[in-house]
C-alpha atoms as a PDB file:
ATOM      1  CA  UNK A   1       7.922  57.879 -14.197  1.00  0.00           C
ATOM      2  CA  UNK A   2       9.552  57.532 -10.565  1.00  0.00           C
ATOM      3  CA  UNK A   3       8.112  57.322  -7.388  1.00  0.00           C
ATOM      4  CA  UNK A   4       9.471  59.207  -4.166  1.00  0.00           C
ATOM      5  CA  UNK A   5       9.845  56.586  -1.550  1.00  0.00           C
ATOM      6  CA  UNK A   6       9.277  57.255   2.170  1.00  0.00           C
ATOM      7  CA  UNK A   7      12.506  56.026   3.182  1.00  0.00           C
ATOM      8  CA  UNK A   8      15.304  58.490   1.974  1.00  0.00           C
ATOM      9  CA  UNK A   9      19.066  58.221   2.100  1.00  0.00           C
ATOM     10  CA  UNK A  10      21.406  60.930   2.916  1.00  0.00           C
ATOM     11  CA  UNK A  11      22.040  63.195  -0.075  1.00  0.00           C
ATOM     12  CA  UNK A  12      19.498  61.520  -2.234  1.00  0.00           C
ATOM     13  CA  UNK A  13      16.226  63.331  -3.159  1.00  0.00           C
ATOM     14  CA  UNK A  14      15.534  61.889  -6.594  1.00  0.00           C
ATOM     15  CA  UNK A  15      12.739  59.328  -7.289  1.00  0.00           C
ATOM     16  CA  UNK A  16      12.902  55.665  -7.911  1.00  0.00           C
ATOM     17  CA  UNK A  17      11.770  53.904 -11.123  1.00  0.00           C
ATOM     18  CA  UNK A  18      10.888  50.456 -12.192  1.00  0.00           C
ATOM     19  CA  UNK A  19      13.910  48.810 -14.275  1.00  0.00           C
ATOM     20  CA  UNK A  20      14.092  45.530 -15.829  1.00  0.00           C
ATOM     21  CA  UNK A  21      16.870  43.231 -14.843  1.00  0.00           C
ATOM     22  CA  UNK A  22      17.784  43.253 -18.667  1.00  0.00           C
ATOM     23  CA  UNK A  23      18.712  47.015 -18.168  1.00  0.00           C
ATOM     24  CA  UNK A  24      20.662  46.354 -14.952  1.00  0.00           C
ATOM     25  CA  UNK A  25      22.702  43.191 -16.127  1.00  0.00           C
ATOM     26  CA  UNK A  26      25.082  43.235 -18.979  1.00  0.00           C
ATOM     27  CA  UNK A  27      23.971  39.488 -19.939  1.00  0.00           C
ATOM     28  CA  UNK A  28      21.903  36.586 -18.891  1.00  0.00           C
ATOM     29  CA  UNK A  29      23.827  33.206 -19.758  1.00  0.00           C
ATOM     30  CA  UNK A  30      23.122  29.638 -19.146  1.00  0.00           C
ATOM     31  CA  UNK A  31      25.793  27.665 -17.295  1.00  0.00           C
ATOM     32  CA  UNK A  32      28.004  24.635 -18.436  1.00  0.00           C
ATOM     33  CA  UNK A  33      26.591  21.489 -19.504  1.00  0.00           C
ATOM     34  CA  UNK A  34      29.149  19.221 -17.773  1.00  0.00           C
ATOM     35  CA  UNK A  35      28.951  16.542 -15.164  1.00  0.00           C
ATOM     36  CA  UNK A  36      30.512  17.058 -11.759  1.00  0.00           C
ATOM     37  CA  UNK A  37      33.574  15.155 -10.585  1.00  0.00           C
ATOM     38  CA  UNK A  38      35.678  14.854  -7.362  1.00  0.00           C
ATOM     39  CA  UNK A  39      36.977  18.370  -6.292  1.00  0.00           C
ATOM     40  CA  UNK A  40      40.386  18.987  -7.858  1.00  0.00           C
ATOM     41  CA  UNK A  41      41.406  21.440  -4.960  1.00  0.00           C
ATOM     42  CA  UNK A  42      40.982  24.610  -6.995  1.00  0.00           C
ATOM     43  CA  UNK A  43      38.066  24.585  -9.356  1.00  0.00           C
ATOM     44  CA  UNK A  44      34.617  24.497  -7.766  1.00  0.00           C
ATOM     45  CA  UNK A  45      31.309  23.699  -9.434  1.00  0.00           C
ATOM     46  CA  UNK A  46      28.098  25.281  -8.290  1.00  0.00           C
ATOM     47  CA  UNK A  47      24.806  23.534  -9.017  1.00  0.00           C
ATOM     48  CA  UNK A  48      21.272  24.276  -7.970  1.00  0.00           C
ATOM     49  CA  UNK A  49      21.786  21.848  -4.964  1.00  0.00           C
ATOM     50  CA  UNK A  50      24.693  23.408  -3.782  1.00  0.00           C
ATOM     51  CA  UNK A  51      22.857  26.588  -3.152  1.00  0.00           C
ATOM     52  CA  UNK A  52      21.284  26.722   0.419  1.00  0.00           C
ATOM     53  CA  UNK A  53      17.572  27.384   0.342  1.00  0.00           C
ATOM     54  CA  UNK A  54      17.429  29.731   3.109  1.00  0.00           C
ATOM     55  CA  UNK A  55      20.667  31.582   3.422  1.00  0.00           C
ATOM     56  CA  UNK A  56      21.397  31.489  -0.390  1.00  0.00           C
ATOM     57  CA  UNK A  57      25.003  30.678   0.288  1.00  0.00           C
ATOM     58  CA  UNK A  58      27.090  28.379  -1.635  1.00  0.00           C
ATOM     59  CA  UNK A  59      27.302  24.988   0.429  1.00  0.00           C
ATOM     60  CA  UNK A  60      30.891  23.737   0.270  1.00  0.00           C
ATOM     61  CA  UNK A  61      30.755  20.705   2.410  1.00  0.00           C
ATOM     62  CA  UNK A  62      30.562  18.464  -0.619  1.00  0.00           C
ATOM     63  CA  UNK A  63      32.178  20.675  -3.150  1.00  0.00           C
ATOM     64  CA  UNK A  64      32.890  19.143  -6.686  1.00  0.00           C
ATOM     65  CA  UNK A  65      34.606  20.260  -9.880  1.00  0.00           C
ATOM     66  CA  UNK A  66      33.302  20.309 -13.405  1.00  0.00           C
ATOM     67  CA  UNK A  67      34.226  17.290 -15.431  1.00  0.00           C
ATOM     68  CA  UNK A  68      35.294  19.311 -18.546  1.00  0.00           C
ATOM     69  CA  UNK A  69      38.239  20.888 -20.062  1.00  0.00           C
ATOM     70  CA  UNK A  70      38.311  24.174 -18.347  1.00  0.00           C
ATOM     71  CA  UNK A  71      40.505  25.737 -21.068  1.00  0.00           C
ATOM     72  CA  UNK A  72      37.545  26.812 -22.927  1.00  0.00           C
ATOM     73  CA  UNK A  73      35.102  27.430 -20.000  1.00  0.00           C
ATOM     74  CA  UNK A  74      36.473  30.900 -18.884  1.00  0.00           C
ATOM     75  CA  UNK A  75      32.983  32.360 -19.704  1.00  0.00           C
ATOM     76  CA  UNK A  76      31.405  30.208 -17.055  1.00  0.00           C
ATOM     77  CA  UNK A  77      33.769  31.438 -14.293  1.00  0.00           C
ATOM     78  CA  UNK A  78      31.808  33.595 -11.792  1.00  0.00           C
ATOM     79  CA  UNK A  79      33.204  37.189 -11.150  1.00  0.00           C
ATOM     80  CA  UNK A  80      32.141  39.989  -8.936  1.00  0.00           C
ATOM     81  CA  UNK A  81      28.727  41.361  -9.771  1.00  0.00           C
ATOM     82  CA  UNK A  82      27.412  37.809 -10.869  1.00  0.00           C
ATOM     83  CA  UNK A  83      24.096  36.566  -9.572  1.00  0.00           C
ATOM     84  CA  UNK A  84      22.938  33.055 -10.280  1.00  0.00           C
ATOM     85  CA  UNK A  85      19.177  32.206 -10.982  1.00  0.00           C
ATOM     86  CA  UNK A  86      17.810  28.604 -10.697  1.00  0.00           C
ATOM     87  CA  UNK A  87      15.875  28.102 -14.003  1.00  0.00           C
ATOM     88  CA  UNK A  88      13.836  24.865 -13.613  1.00  0.00           C
ATOM     89  CA  UNK A  89      12.445  22.503 -11.297  1.00  0.00           C
ATOM     90  CA  UNK A  90      11.418  22.806  -7.548  1.00  0.00           C
ATOM     91  CA  UNK A  91      13.992  25.327  -6.888  1.00  0.00           C
ATOM     92  CA  UNK A  92      13.195  27.551  -9.834  1.00  0.00           C
ATOM     93  CA  UNK A  93      13.738  31.370  -8.598  1.00  0.00           C
ATOM     94  CA  UNK A  94      16.575  30.354  -6.178  1.00  0.00           C
ATOM     95  CA  UNK A  95      19.359  32.841  -6.244  1.00  0.00           C
ATOM     96  CA  UNK A  96      22.940  33.113  -5.171  1.00  0.00           C
ATOM     97  CA  UNK A  97      25.341  36.094  -5.444  1.00  0.00           C
ATOM     98  CA  UNK A  98      28.904  35.289  -5.861  1.00  0.00           C
ATOM     99  CA  UNK A  99      31.449  36.210  -3.267  1.00  0.00           C
ATOM    100  CA  UNK A 100      35.262  36.320  -3.969  1.00  0.00           C
ATOM    101  CA  UNK A 101      35.599  34.209  -0.671  1.00  0.00           C
ATOM    102  CA  UNK A 102      33.930  31.463  -2.575  1.00  0.00           C
ATOM    103  CA  UNK A 103      36.914  30.892  -4.614  1.00  0.00           C
ATOM    104  CA  UNK A 104      37.252  29.902  -8.324  1.00  0.00           C
ATOM    105  CA  UNK A 105      33.776  28.951  -9.089  1.00  0.00           C
ATOM    106  CA  UNK A 106      32.158  27.738 -12.385  1.00  0.00           C
ATOM    107  CA  UNK A 107      28.291  27.430 -12.669  1.00  0.00           C
ATOM    108  CA  UNK A 108      26.199  24.536 -13.950  1.00  0.00           C
ATOM    109  CA  UNK A 109      23.726  24.300 -16.740  1.00  0.00           C
ATOM    110  CA  UNK A 110      20.425  24.578 -14.727  1.00  0.00           C
ATOM    111  CA  UNK A 111      21.602  28.062 -13.609  1.00  0.00           C
ATOM    112  CA  UNK A 112      21.560  31.401 -15.281  1.00  0.00           C
ATOM    113  CA  UNK A 113      23.953  33.924 -14.612  1.00  0.00           C
ATOM    114  CA  UNK A 114      23.138  37.720 -14.524  1.00  0.00           C
ATOM    115  CA  UNK A 115      26.006  39.748 -14.795  1.00  0.00           C
ATOM    116  CA  UNK A 116      25.291  43.166 -12.930  1.00  0.00           C
ATOM    117  CA  UNK A 117      26.513  46.327 -14.641  1.00  0.00           C
ATOM    118  CA  UNK A 118      29.295  48.370 -12.859  1.00  0.00           C
ATOM    119  CA  UNK A 119      26.940  51.158 -12.223  1.00  0.00           C
ATOM    120  CA  UNK A 120      24.660  49.140 -10.042  1.00  0.00           C
ATOM    121  CA  UNK A 121      25.127  47.296  -6.742  1.00  0.00           C
ATOM    122  CA  UNK A 122      25.075  43.639  -7.229  1.00  0.00           C
ATOM    123  CA  UNK A 123      23.962  43.346  -3.431  1.00  0.00           C
ATOM    124  CA  UNK A 124      20.974  45.687  -3.991  1.00  0.00           C
ATOM    125  CA  UNK A 125      19.814  43.613  -6.960  1.00  0.00           C
ATOM    126  CA  UNK A 126      20.381  40.327  -5.116  1.00  0.00           C
ATOM    127  CA  UNK A 127      18.290  41.801  -2.099  1.00  0.00           C
ATOM    128  CA  UNK A 128      15.412  42.321  -4.598  1.00  0.00           C
ATOM    129  CA  UNK A 129      15.333  38.634  -5.229  1.00  0.00           C
ATOM    130  CA  UNK A 130      14.589  37.984  -1.603  1.00  0.00           C
ATOM    131  CA  UNK A 131      11.163  39.510  -1.574  1.00  0.00           C
ATOM    132  CA  UNK A 132       7.483  38.552  -1.747  1.00  0.00           C
ATOM    133  CA  UNK A 133       7.277  40.442  -4.963  1.00  0.00           C
ATOM    134  CA  UNK A 134      10.046  38.423  -6.567  1.00  0.00           C
ATOM    135  CA  UNK A 135       8.477  35.107  -5.141  1.00  0.00           C
ATOM    136  CA  UNK A 136       5.201  36.156  -6.760  1.00  0.00           C
ATOM    137  CA  UNK A 137       6.906  36.865 -10.019  1.00  0.00           C
ATOM    138  CA  UNK A 138       8.522  33.388 -10.027  1.00  0.00           C
ATOM    139  CA  UNK A 139       5.149  31.690  -9.210  1.00  0.00           C
ATOM    140  CA  UNK A 140       3.298  33.383 -12.055  1.00  0.00           C
ATOM    141  CA  UNK A 141       6.207  33.203 -14.495  1.00  0.00           C
ATOM    142  CA  UNK A 142       7.138  29.452 -13.963  1.00  0.00           C
ATOM    143  CA  UNK A 143       3.848  27.977 -14.424  1.00  0.00           C
ATOM    144  CA  UNK A 144       4.126  25.640 -17.266  1.00  0.00           C
ATOM    145  CA  UNK A 145       2.580  22.361 -18.425  1.00  0.00           C
ATOM    146  CA  UNK A 146       5.126  19.843 -16.955  1.00  0.00           C
ATOM    147  CA  UNK A 147       8.187  21.155 -15.104  1.00  0.00           C
ATOM    148  CA  UNK A 148       8.203  24.704 -13.764  1.00  0.00           C
ATOM    149  CA  UNK A 149      10.668  27.041 -15.232  1.00  0.00           C
ATOM    150  CA  UNK A 150      11.961  30.662 -15.821  1.00  0.00           C
ATOM    151  CA  UNK A 151      14.173  31.406 -18.858  1.00  0.00           C
ATOM    152  CA  UNK A 152      16.860  34.012 -19.404  1.00  0.00           C
ATOM    153  CA  UNK A 153      14.506  36.384 -21.192  1.00  0.00           C
ATOM    154  CA  UNK A 154      11.699  36.098 -18.568  1.00  0.00           C
ATOM    155  CA  UNK A 155      14.390  36.974 -15.913  1.00  0.00           C
ATOM    156  CA  UNK A 156      15.609  39.879 -17.929  1.00  0.00           C
ATOM    157  CA  UNK A 157      12.063  41.227 -17.941  1.00  0.00           C
ATOM    158  CA  UNK A 158      11.734  41.179 -14.013  1.00  0.00           C
ATOM    159  CA  UNK A 159      11.493  44.705 -12.725  1.00  0.00           C
ATOM    160  CA  UNK A 160      12.776  46.093  -9.640  1.00  0.00           C
ATOM    161  CA  UNK A 161      12.572  49.441  -8.178  1.00  0.00           C
ATOM    162  CA  UNK A 162      15.726  51.270  -8.265  1.00  0.00           C
ATOM    163  CA  UNK A 163      17.123  54.826  -7.873  1.00  0.00           C
ATOM    164  CA  UNK A 164      16.714  56.832 -11.123  1.00  0.00           C
ATOM    165  CA  UNK A 165      20.392  57.300 -11.227  1.00  0.00           C
ATOM    166  CA  UNK A 166      22.247  54.031 -11.462  1.00  0.00           C
ATOM    167  CA  UNK A 167      25.075  55.348  -9.302  1.00  0.00           C
ATOM    168  CA  UNK A 168      22.897  55.861  -6.498  1.00  0.00           C
ATOM    169  CA  UNK A 169      22.096  52.244  -6.336  1.00  0.00           C
ATOM    170  CA  UNK A 170      25.805  51.506  -5.368  1.00  0.00           C
ATOM    171  CA  UNK A 171      26.072  54.266  -2.908  1.00  0.00           C
ATOM    172  CA  UNK A 172      22.591  53.325  -1.436  1.00  0.00           C
ATOM    173  CA  UNK A 173      23.926  49.870  -0.573  1.00  0.00           C
ATOM    174  CA  UNK A 174      27.231  51.228   0.794  1.00  0.00           C
ATOM    175  CA  UNK A 175      25.302  53.462   3.219  1.00  0.00           C
ATOM    176  CA  UNK A 176      23.067  50.661   4.241  1.00  0.00           C
ATOM    177  CA  UNK A 177      26.126  48.401   5.148  1.00  0.00           C
END
């Protein structure tokens, strides 16, 4: 099932295989349906417009907070291993990988969170969303009558090439950095 790539990593001789993001991520979940309010000094709210188009980083010049009681919003708080995918509109397909340095961040409703399993490198998965192959997938999948969009199930079906052993994905990214 796997292909042997030309580029090899020290100690790795196995093939690579196509894996769906649904196999690599624990879940795909939609964000909070809440308006934003003035930043409260602690709780940040990331929306599609807060993700830079070219760097894919969280723009924090005009940071806001979610306008909702956060006592029941723990599931919408980003953690290590989370990648956000824009699900609709002109920005469909735009991605962001959560960094601890971004602080306490909750994500908005027009975003879908993919939570990468511990056996895989979130950075490896994220880098696969910055490819021409991914952009083609978004162009084809998002074509709808009306506003373009890609839903959670469609993201879960997106395939990337990954080492046949999931633990290798983590060590491959460590060797590259």
